[in-house]
């Protein structure tokens, strides 16, 4: 992974963060999840940040677009 890492999303739990990471990696974008251990141990404490998904700065816009499209429900077949 080249370049500076930037946060593109924050999640409530590690499972959601890891699914998003895997989605990006399916598209060839390397991603890392940080902050997952503290948020799992201290869930519910507002001072602890949830898992954060990071990618290299040059892939951030593409990664956000992929995750946004993954949230949209599939079109109905007619």
C-alpha atoms as a PDB file:
ATOM      1  CA  UNK A   1       0.000   0.000   0.000  1.00  0.00           C
ATOM      2  CA  UNK A   2       1.599   3.221  -1.161  1.00  0.00           C
ATOM      3  CA  UNK A   3       1.019   6.744   0.058  1.00  0.00           C
ATOM      4  CA  UNK A   4      -0.606   8.261   3.087  1.00  0.00           C
ATOM      5  CA  UNK A   5      -3.532   6.364   4.637  1.00  0.00           C
ATOM      6  CA  UNK A   6      -6.801   8.249   5.042  1.00  0.00           C
ATOM      7  CA  UNK A   7     -10.001   7.371   6.879  1.00  0.00           C
ATOM      8  CA  UNK A   8     -12.891   6.719   4.520  1.00  0.00           C
ATOM      9  CA  UNK A   9     -15.434   5.207   6.903  1.00  0.00           C
ATOM     10  CA  UNK A  10     -16.136   4.434  10.553  1.00  0.00           C
ATOM     11  CA  UNK A  11     -18.211   1.478  11.725  1.00  0.00           C
ATOM     12  CA  UNK A  12     -20.096   0.338  14.806  1.00  0.00           C
ATOM     13  CA  UNK A  13     -18.341  -3.025  14.927  1.00  0.00           C
ATOM     14  CA  UNK A  14     -15.462  -4.984  13.476  1.00  0.00           C
ATOM     15  CA  UNK A  15     -17.660  -7.280  11.363  1.00  0.00           C
ATOM     16  CA  UNK A  16     -19.111  -4.372   9.352  1.00  0.00           C
ATOM     17  CA  UNK A  17     -15.661  -2.852   8.934  1.00  0.00           C
ATOM     18  CA  UNK A  18     -14.121  -6.104   7.767  1.00  0.00           C
ATOM     19  CA  UNK A  19     -16.930  -6.700   5.251  1.00  0.00           C
ATOM     20  CA  UNK A  20     -16.284  -3.247   3.791  1.00  0.00           C
ATOM     21  CA  UNK A  21     -12.544  -3.974   3.698  1.00  0.00           C
ATOM     22  CA  UNK A  22     -13.180  -7.207   1.832  1.00  0.00           C
ATOM     23  CA  UNK A  23     -15.485  -5.440  -0.640  1.00  0.00           C
ATOM     24  CA  UNK A  24     -12.738  -2.966  -1.470  1.00  0.00           C
ATOM     25  CA  UNK A  25     -10.138  -5.694  -1.797  1.00  0.00           C
ATOM     26  CA  UNK A  26     -12.463  -7.513  -4.228  1.00  0.00           C
ATOM     27  CA  UNK A  27     -12.089  -4.399  -6.407  1.00  0.00           C
ATOM     28  CA  UNK A  28      -8.310  -4.408  -6.016  1.00  0.00           C
ATOM     29  CA  UNK A  29      -8.101  -1.647  -3.401  1.00  0.00           C
ATOM     30  CA  UNK A  30      -5.940  -2.492  -0.387  1.00  0.00           C
ATOM     31  CA  UNK A  31      -7.599  -1.408   2.849  1.00  0.00           C
ATOM     32  CA  UNK A  32      -6.907  -1.706   6.571  1.00  0.00           C
ATOM     33  CA  UNK A  33      -9.178  -1.651   9.605  1.00  0.00           C
ATOM     34  CA  UNK A  34      -7.810   0.166  12.641  1.00  0.00           C
ATOM     35  CA  UNK A  35      -9.170   0.730  16.126  1.00  0.00           C
ATOM     36  CA  UNK A  36     -11.006  -2.580  16.171  1.00  0.00           C
ATOM     37  CA  UNK A  37      -9.496  -4.068  19.344  1.00  0.00           C
ATOM     38  CA  UNK A  38     -10.301  -1.168  21.654  1.00  0.00           C
ATOM     39  CA  UNK A  39     -13.818  -0.792  20.295  1.00  0.00           C
ATOM     40  CA  UNK A  40     -14.536  -4.510  20.741  1.00  0.00           C
ATOM     41  CA  UNK A  41     -13.290  -4.525  24.328  1.00  0.00           C
ATOM     42  CA  UNK A  42     -14.912  -1.229  25.350  1.00  0.00           C
ATOM     43  CA  UNK A  43     -18.064  -1.297  23.225  1.00  0.00           C
ATOM     44  CA  UNK A  44     -20.555   1.357  24.206  1.00  0.00           C
ATOM     45  CA  UNK A  45     -18.036   3.801  25.649  1.00  0.00           C
ATOM     46  CA  UNK A  46     -18.350   6.991  23.631  1.00  0.00           C
ATOM     47  CA  UNK A  47     -14.698   7.963  24.121  1.00  0.00           C
ATOM     48  CA  UNK A  48     -13.565   4.899  22.177  1.00  0.00           C
ATOM     49  CA  UNK A  49     -13.670   5.282  18.415  1.00  0.00           C
ATOM     50  CA  UNK A  50     -15.179   2.394  16.455  1.00  0.00           C
ATOM     51  CA  UNK A  51     -13.295   0.484  13.790  1.00  0.00           C
ATOM     52  CA  UNK A  52     -12.029   2.777  11.035  1.00  0.00           C
ATOM     53  CA  UNK A  53     -11.474   1.773   7.424  1.00  0.00           C
ATOM     54  CA  UNK A  54      -8.443   3.348   5.767  1.00  0.00           C
ATOM     55  CA  UNK A  55      -7.069   3.290   2.230  1.00  0.00           C
ATOM     56  CA  UNK A  56      -4.236   5.107   0.492  1.00  0.00           C
ATOM     57  CA  UNK A  57      -5.076   8.717  -0.250  1.00  0.00           C
ATOM     58  CA  UNK A  58      -4.970   8.213  -4.019  1.00  0.00           C
ATOM     59  CA  UNK A  59      -7.679   5.497  -3.818  1.00  0.00           C
ATOM     60  CA  UNK A  60      -9.983   7.233  -1.320  1.00  0.00           C
ATOM     61  CA  UNK A  61     -12.531   8.649  -3.775  1.00  0.00           C
ATOM     62  CA  UNK A  62     -12.816   5.365  -5.677  1.00  0.00           C
ATOM     63  CA  UNK A  63     -13.163   3.416  -2.425  1.00  0.00           C
ATOM     64  CA  UNK A  64     -15.934   5.715  -1.133  1.00  0.00           C
ATOM     65  CA  UNK A  65     -17.819   5.316  -4.410  1.00  0.00           C
ATOM     66  CA  UNK A  66     -17.563   1.513  -4.260  1.00  0.00           C
ATOM     67  CA  UNK A  67     -18.858   1.450  -0.678  1.00  0.00           C
ATOM     68  CA  UNK A  68     -21.705   3.854  -1.516  1.00  0.00           C
ATOM     69  CA  UNK A  69     -22.770   1.673  -4.440  1.00  0.00           C
ATOM     70  CA  UNK A  70     -22.572  -1.446  -2.259  1.00  0.00           C
ATOM     71  CA  UNK A  71     -25.115   0.132   0.140  1.00  0.00           C
ATOM     72  CA  UNK A  72     -27.703   0.703  -2.610  1.00  0.00           C
ATOM     73  CA  UNK A  73     -30.351  -2.004  -2.952  1.00  0.00           C
ATOM     74  CA  UNK A  74     -30.152  -4.001  -6.200  1.00  0.00           C
ATOM     75  CA  UNK A  75     -32.505  -2.999  -9.000  1.00  0.00           C
ATOM     76  CA  UNK A  76     -35.630  -5.108  -9.355  1.00  0.00           C
ATOM     77  CA  UNK A  77     -35.774  -7.389 -12.377  1.00  0.00           C
ATOM     78  CA  UNK A  78     -38.772  -6.725 -14.567  1.00  0.00           C
END
